[in-house]
Amino acid sequence: MKKLVLVSGPAGIGKSTYCVKYMNAHPDEKSFIVAADEVRKDLCGDYDKFPPNRDMSIVYNEMINRIHKLAEEHQELIVLVDTTMLFDERRLFFVENLPEFNYRELVLLKLHDYNIAIARNASRVGPKHVPDEVVIDMIKNYFDPTPETLIHFDNYREVFLDE
């Protein structure tokens, strides 16, 4: 089985930590993390660098390319996609561009108190720190999937990280 897990949430919520914990909890599974931050760093030179005109489609298309390559190399695998995906258009972009996966899961990471995400982000040092106003904007624009989007997933979970 080829399993695609989209791990979604605003900056500082704990997407990368969630992905690493998943992999540690499932050591026998052939799992890979494809993270937007890491791809952007590879393409642009550092975490605080962006493509020209902040065109993140360059990063997302490279993520798709890397995931395709992993799917070609492995008969069975789990790919954890670590990026914000704050709204359905971005979530569906990954689903539509990765048809070789026969199982798709959407994990929305949430907090009851999003000040935790702002505090976590503030503790990041150097180029991984995201300006507070950007995190606040992400939180305001983080939407639950519509029923029309959910039909494209085999499983959907909301995970509250502050419980």
C-alpha atoms as a PDB file:
ATOM      1  CA  MET A   1       0.000   0.000   0.000  1.00  0.00           C
ATOM      2  CA  LYS A   2       1.119   3.530  -0.719  1.00  0.00           C
ATOM      3  CA  LYS A   3      -0.167   5.814   2.000  1.00  0.00           C
ATOM      4  CA  LEU A   4      -0.170   9.615   1.827  1.00  0.00           C
ATOM      5  CA  VAL A   5      -0.676  11.503   5.094  1.00  0.00           C
ATOM      6  CA  LEU A   6      -1.145  15.259   4.845  1.00  0.00           C
ATOM      7  CA  VAL A   7      -0.194  16.883   8.156  1.00  0.00           C
ATOM      8  CA  SER A   8      -1.681  20.356   8.217  1.00  0.00           C
ATOM      9  CA  GLY A   9      -1.485  23.317  10.588  1.00  0.00           C
ATOM     10  CA  PRO A  10      -0.167  26.837  11.056  1.00  0.00           C
ATOM     11  CA  ALA A  11       3.470  27.596  11.859  1.00  0.00           C
ATOM     12  CA  GLY A  12       4.543  26.594  15.353  1.00  0.00           C
ATOM     13  CA  ILE A  13       1.728  24.115  15.944  1.00  0.00           C
ATOM     14  CA  GLY A  14       4.002  21.072  15.856  1.00  0.00           C
ATOM     15  CA  LYS A  15       3.706  19.509  12.397  1.00  0.00           C
ATOM     16  CA  SER A  16       7.332  18.438  12.212  1.00  0.00           C
ATOM     17  CA  THR A  17       7.262  17.092  15.765  1.00  0.00           C
ATOM     18  CA  TYR A  18       4.071  15.156  14.980  1.00  0.00           C
ATOM     19  CA  CYS A  19       5.692  13.601  11.897  1.00  0.00           C
ATOM     20  CA  VAL A  20       8.836  12.574  13.763  1.00  0.00           C
ATOM     21  CA  LYS A  21       6.772  11.091  16.612  1.00  0.00           C
ATOM     22  CA  TYR A  22       4.721   9.143  14.057  1.00  0.00           C
ATOM     23  CA  MET A  23       7.862   7.681  12.508  1.00  0.00           C
ATOM     24  CA  ASN A  24       9.324   6.803  15.925  1.00  0.00           C
ATOM     25  CA  ALA A  25       6.074   5.078  16.917  1.00  0.00           C
ATOM     26  CA  HIS A  26       6.075   3.018  13.677  1.00  0.00           C
ATOM     27  CA  PRO A  27       9.704   1.923  13.213  1.00  0.00           C
ATOM     28  CA  ASP A  28       8.747  -1.089  11.092  1.00  0.00           C
ATOM     29  CA  GLU A  29       6.978   1.014   8.467  1.00  0.00           C
ATOM     30  CA  LYS A  30       8.849   2.485   5.521  1.00  0.00           C
ATOM     31  CA  SER A  31       7.991   6.122   6.284  1.00  0.00           C
ATOM     32  CA  PHE A  32       9.296   9.371   4.859  1.00  0.00           C
ATOM     33  CA  ILE A  33       8.703  13.017   5.707  1.00  0.00           C
ATOM     34  CA  VAL A  34       8.538  15.557   2.914  1.00  0.00           C
ATOM     35  CA  ALA A  35       8.460  18.981   4.569  1.00  0.00           C
ATOM     36  CA  ALA A  36       7.906  22.309   2.840  1.00  0.00           C
ATOM     37  CA  ASP A  37      10.446  24.014   5.124  1.00  0.00           C
ATOM     38  CA  GLU A  38      13.180  21.551   4.178  1.00  0.00           C
ATOM     39  CA  VAL A  39      12.384  21.698   0.451  1.00  0.00           C
ATOM     40  CA  ARG A  40      12.339  25.512   0.554  1.00  0.00           C
ATOM     41  CA  LYS A  41      15.705  25.471   2.360  1.00  0.00           C
ATOM     42  CA  ASP A  42      17.135  23.112  -0.296  1.00  0.00           C
ATOM     43  CA  LEU A  43      15.855  25.291  -3.137  1.00  0.00           C
ATOM     44  CA  CYS A  44      16.532  28.729  -1.670  1.00  0.00           C
ATOM     45  CA  GLY A  45      19.476  28.240   0.659  1.00  0.00           C
ATOM     46  CA  ASP A  46      17.939  28.707   4.115  1.00  0.00           C
ATOM     47  CA  TYR A  47      14.708  28.495   6.102  1.00  0.00           C
ATOM     48  CA  ASP A  48      14.067  32.223   5.937  1.00  0.00           C
ATOM     49  CA  LYS A  49      14.597  32.412   2.154  1.00  0.00           C
ATOM     50  CA  PHE A  50      11.769  32.173  -0.357  1.00  0.00           C
ATOM     51  CA  PRO A  51      11.449  31.662  -4.099  1.00  0.00           C
ATOM     52  CA  PRO A  52      11.161  34.780  -6.283  1.00  0.00           C
ATOM     53  CA  ASN A  53       7.962  36.708  -5.544  1.00  0.00           C
ATOM     54  CA  ARG A  54       7.365  34.283  -2.634  1.00  0.00           C
ATOM     55  CA  ASP A  55       5.949  31.860  -5.202  1.00  0.00           C
ATOM     56  CA  MET A  56       5.467  28.784  -3.035  1.00  0.00           C
ATOM     57  CA  SER A  57       4.137  26.795  -5.984  1.00  0.00           C
ATOM     58  CA  ILE A  58       7.815  26.210  -6.828  1.00  0.00           C
ATOM     59  CA  VAL A  59       8.270  24.535  -3.428  1.00  0.00           C
ATOM     60  CA  TYR A  60       5.006  22.568  -3.651  1.00  0.00           C
ATOM     61  CA  ASN A  61       5.841  21.288  -7.135  1.00  0.00           C
ATOM     62  CA  GLU A  62       9.261  20.152  -5.905  1.00  0.00           C
ATOM     63  CA  MET A  63       7.558  18.389  -3.000  1.00  0.00           C
ATOM     64  CA  ILE A  64       5.353  16.569  -5.523  1.00  0.00           C
ATOM     65  CA  ASN A  65       8.451  15.579  -7.540  1.00  0.00           C
ATOM     66  CA  ARG A  66      10.175  14.197  -4.450  1.00  0.00           C
ATOM     67  CA  ILE A  67       7.085  12.263  -3.395  1.00  0.00           C
ATOM     68  CA  HIS A  68       6.708  10.790  -6.905  1.00  0.00           C
ATOM     69  CA  LYS A  69      10.334   9.639  -6.723  1.00  0.00           C
ATOM     70  CA  LEU A  70       9.766   7.972  -3.355  1.00  0.00           C
ATOM     71  CA  ALA A  71       6.647   6.242  -4.701  1.00  0.00           C
ATOM     72  CA  GLU A  72       8.614   4.956  -7.697  1.00  0.00           C
ATOM     73  CA  GLU A  73      11.375   3.595  -5.464  1.00  0.00           C
ATOM     74  CA  HIS A  74       9.131   1.807  -2.952  1.00  0.00           C
ATOM     75  CA  GLN A  75       6.263  -0.618  -3.467  1.00  0.00           C
ATOM     76  CA  GLU A  76       4.928   0.124   0.003  1.00  0.00           C
ATOM     77  CA  LEU A  77       5.501   3.344   1.903  1.00  0.00           C
ATOM     78  CA  ILE A  78       4.000   6.092   3.982  1.00  0.00           C
ATOM     79  CA  VAL A  79       4.754   9.692   3.063  1.00  0.00           C
ATOM     80  CA  LEU A  80       4.015  12.325   5.685  1.00  0.00           C
ATOM     81  CA  VAL A  81       3.576  15.688   3.975  1.00  0.00           C
ATOM     82  CA  ASP A  82       4.525  18.439   6.434  1.00  0.00           C
ATOM     83  CA  THR A  83       3.232  21.824   5.285  1.00  0.00           C
ATOM     84  CA  THR A  84       0.597  24.318   6.384  1.00  0.00           C
ATOM     85  CA  MET A  85      -2.204  23.431   3.902  1.00  0.00           C
ATOM     86  CA  LEU A  86      -4.470  25.961   5.624  1.00  0.00           C
ATOM     87  CA  PHE A  87      -7.299  25.578   3.124  1.00  0.00           C
ATOM     88  CA  ASP A  88      -8.819  23.015   0.790  1.00  0.00           C
ATOM     89  CA  GLU A  89      -7.234  24.218  -2.451  1.00  0.00           C
ATOM     90  CA  ARG A  90      -3.757  23.357  -1.152  1.00  0.00           C
ATOM     91  CA  ARG A  91      -4.873  20.023   0.345  1.00  0.00           C
ATOM     92  CA  LEU A  92      -6.471  19.004  -2.939  1.00  0.00           C
ATOM     93  CA  PHE A  93      -3.361  20.066  -4.871  1.00  0.00           C
ATOM     94  CA  PHE A  94      -1.420  17.264  -3.185  1.00  0.00           C
ATOM     95  CA  VAL A  95      -4.200  14.701  -3.624  1.00  0.00           C
ATOM     96  CA  GLU A  96      -4.726  15.517  -7.297  1.00  0.00           C
ATOM     97  CA  ASN A  97      -1.022  15.479  -8.121  1.00  0.00           C
ATOM     98  CA  LEU A  98      -0.247  12.203  -6.354  1.00  0.00           C
ATOM     99  CA  PRO A  99      -2.634   9.652  -7.892  1.00  0.00           C
ATOM    100  CA  GLU A 100      -0.303   6.695  -7.242  1.00  0.00           C
ATOM    101  CA  PHE A 101      -1.235   6.690  -3.553  1.00  0.00           C
ATOM    102  CA  ASN A 102      -4.070   4.308  -2.814  1.00  0.00           C
ATOM    103  CA  TYR A 103      -4.694   5.546   0.729  1.00  0.00           C
ATOM    104  CA  ARG A 104      -4.979   9.201   1.714  1.00  0.00           C
ATOM    105  CA  GLU A 105      -5.298  10.638   5.171  1.00  0.00           C
ATOM    106  CA  LEU A 106      -5.717  14.238   6.282  1.00  0.00           C
ATOM    107  CA  VAL A 107      -4.535  15.175   9.771  1.00  0.00           C
ATOM    108  CA  LEU A 108      -5.489  18.653  10.943  1.00  0.00           C
ATOM    109  CA  LEU A 109      -3.402  19.676  13.913  1.00  0.00           C
ATOM    110  CA  LYS A 110      -5.233  22.042  16.225  1.00  0.00           C
ATOM    111  CA  LEU A 111      -4.936  23.778  19.565  1.00  0.00           C
ATOM    112  CA  HIS A 112      -7.618  25.014  21.921  1.00  0.00           C
ATOM    113  CA  ASP A 113      -5.337  27.959  22.640  1.00  0.00           C
ATOM    114  CA  TYR A 114      -3.377  29.102  19.598  1.00  0.00           C
ATOM    115  CA  ASN A 115      -1.203  31.320  21.774  1.00  0.00           C
ATOM    116  CA  ILE A 116       0.734  28.087  22.294  1.00  0.00           C
ATOM    117  CA  ALA A 117       1.691  28.109  18.603  1.00  0.00           C
ATOM    118  CA  ILE A 118       2.823  31.713  18.854  1.00  0.00           C
ATOM    119  CA  ALA A 119       4.918  30.880  21.936  1.00  0.00           C
ATOM    120  CA  ARG A 120       6.429  27.785  20.266  1.00  0.00           C
ATOM    121  CA  ASN A 121       7.316  29.846  17.239  1.00  0.00           C
ATOM    122  CA  ALA A 122       8.886  32.528  19.455  1.00  0.00           C
ATOM    123  CA  SER A 123      11.198  29.883  20.927  1.00  0.00           C
ATOM    124  CA  ARG A 124      12.560  29.033  17.473  1.00  0.00           C
ATOM    125  CA  VAL A 125      15.964  30.510  16.914  1.00  0.00           C
ATOM    126  CA  GLY A 126      17.398  31.899  13.728  1.00  0.00           C
ATOM    127  CA  PRO A 127      15.821  31.439  10.332  1.00  0.00           C
ATOM    128  CA  LYS A 128      13.111  28.951  11.448  1.00  0.00           C
ATOM    129  CA  HIS A 129      11.356  31.755  13.358  1.00  0.00           C
ATOM    130  CA  VAL A 130       8.255  33.029  11.560  1.00  0.00           C
ATOM    131  CA  PRO A 131       7.146  36.625  12.253  1.00  0.00           C
ATOM    132  CA  ASP A 132       4.266  36.692  14.777  1.00  0.00           C
ATOM    133  CA  GLU A 133       1.974  38.537  12.389  1.00  0.00           C
ATOM    134  CA  VAL A 134       2.449  35.751   9.815  1.00  0.00           C
ATOM    135  CA  VAL A 135       1.580  33.068  12.376  1.00  0.00           C
ATOM    136  CA  ILE A 136      -1.485  35.043  13.505  1.00  0.00           C
ATOM    137  CA  ASP A 137      -2.577  35.393   9.871  1.00  0.00           C
ATOM    138  CA  MET A 138      -2.124  31.637   9.349  1.00  0.00           C
ATOM    139  CA  ILE A 139      -4.268  30.894  12.395  1.00  0.00           C
ATOM    140  CA  LYS A 140      -7.026  33.212  11.134  1.00  0.00           C
ATOM    141  CA  ASN A 141      -6.951  31.542   7.720  1.00  0.00           C
ATOM    142  CA  TYR A 142      -6.837  27.917   8.903  1.00  0.00           C
ATOM    143  CA  PHE A 143     -10.064  26.287   7.742  1.00  0.00           C
ATOM    144  CA  ASP A 144     -11.558  22.874   8.319  1.00  0.00           C
ATOM    145  CA  PRO A 145     -12.060  20.845   5.149  1.00  0.00           C
ATOM    146  CA  THR A 146     -15.415  20.949   3.408  1.00  0.00           C
ATOM    147  CA  PRO A 147     -17.394  17.742   2.813  1.00  0.00           C
ATOM    148  CA  GLU A 148     -16.476  18.084  -0.880  1.00  0.00           C
ATOM    149  CA  THR A 149     -12.812  17.900   0.038  1.00  0.00           C
ATOM    150  CA  LEU A 150     -13.183  15.108   2.579  1.00  0.00           C
ATOM    151  CA  ILE A 151     -14.519  12.693  -0.048  1.00  0.00           C
ATOM    152  CA  HIS A 152     -10.969  12.603  -1.463  1.00  0.00           C
ATOM    153  CA  PHE A 153      -9.594  11.129   1.778  1.00  0.00           C
ATOM    154  CA  ASP A 154      -9.885   7.665   3.245  1.00  0.00           C
ATOM    155  CA  ASN A 155      -9.445   9.050   6.745  1.00  0.00           C
ATOM    156  CA  TYR A 156      -9.663  12.460   8.377  1.00  0.00           C
ATOM    157  CA  ARG A 157      -8.529  13.278  11.884  1.00  0.00           C
ATOM    158  CA  GLU A 158      -8.392  16.376  14.014  1.00  0.00           C
ATOM    159  CA  VAL A 159      -5.621  16.150  16.579  1.00  0.00           C
ATOM    160  CA  PHE A 160      -5.603  18.639  19.422  1.00  0.00           C
ATOM    161  CA  LEU A 161      -2.018  18.921  20.567  1.00  0.00           C
ATOM    162  CA  ASP A 162      -2.838  20.698  23.837  1.00  0.00           C
ATOM    163  CA  GLU A 163      -4.976  17.951  25.363  1.00  0.00           C
END
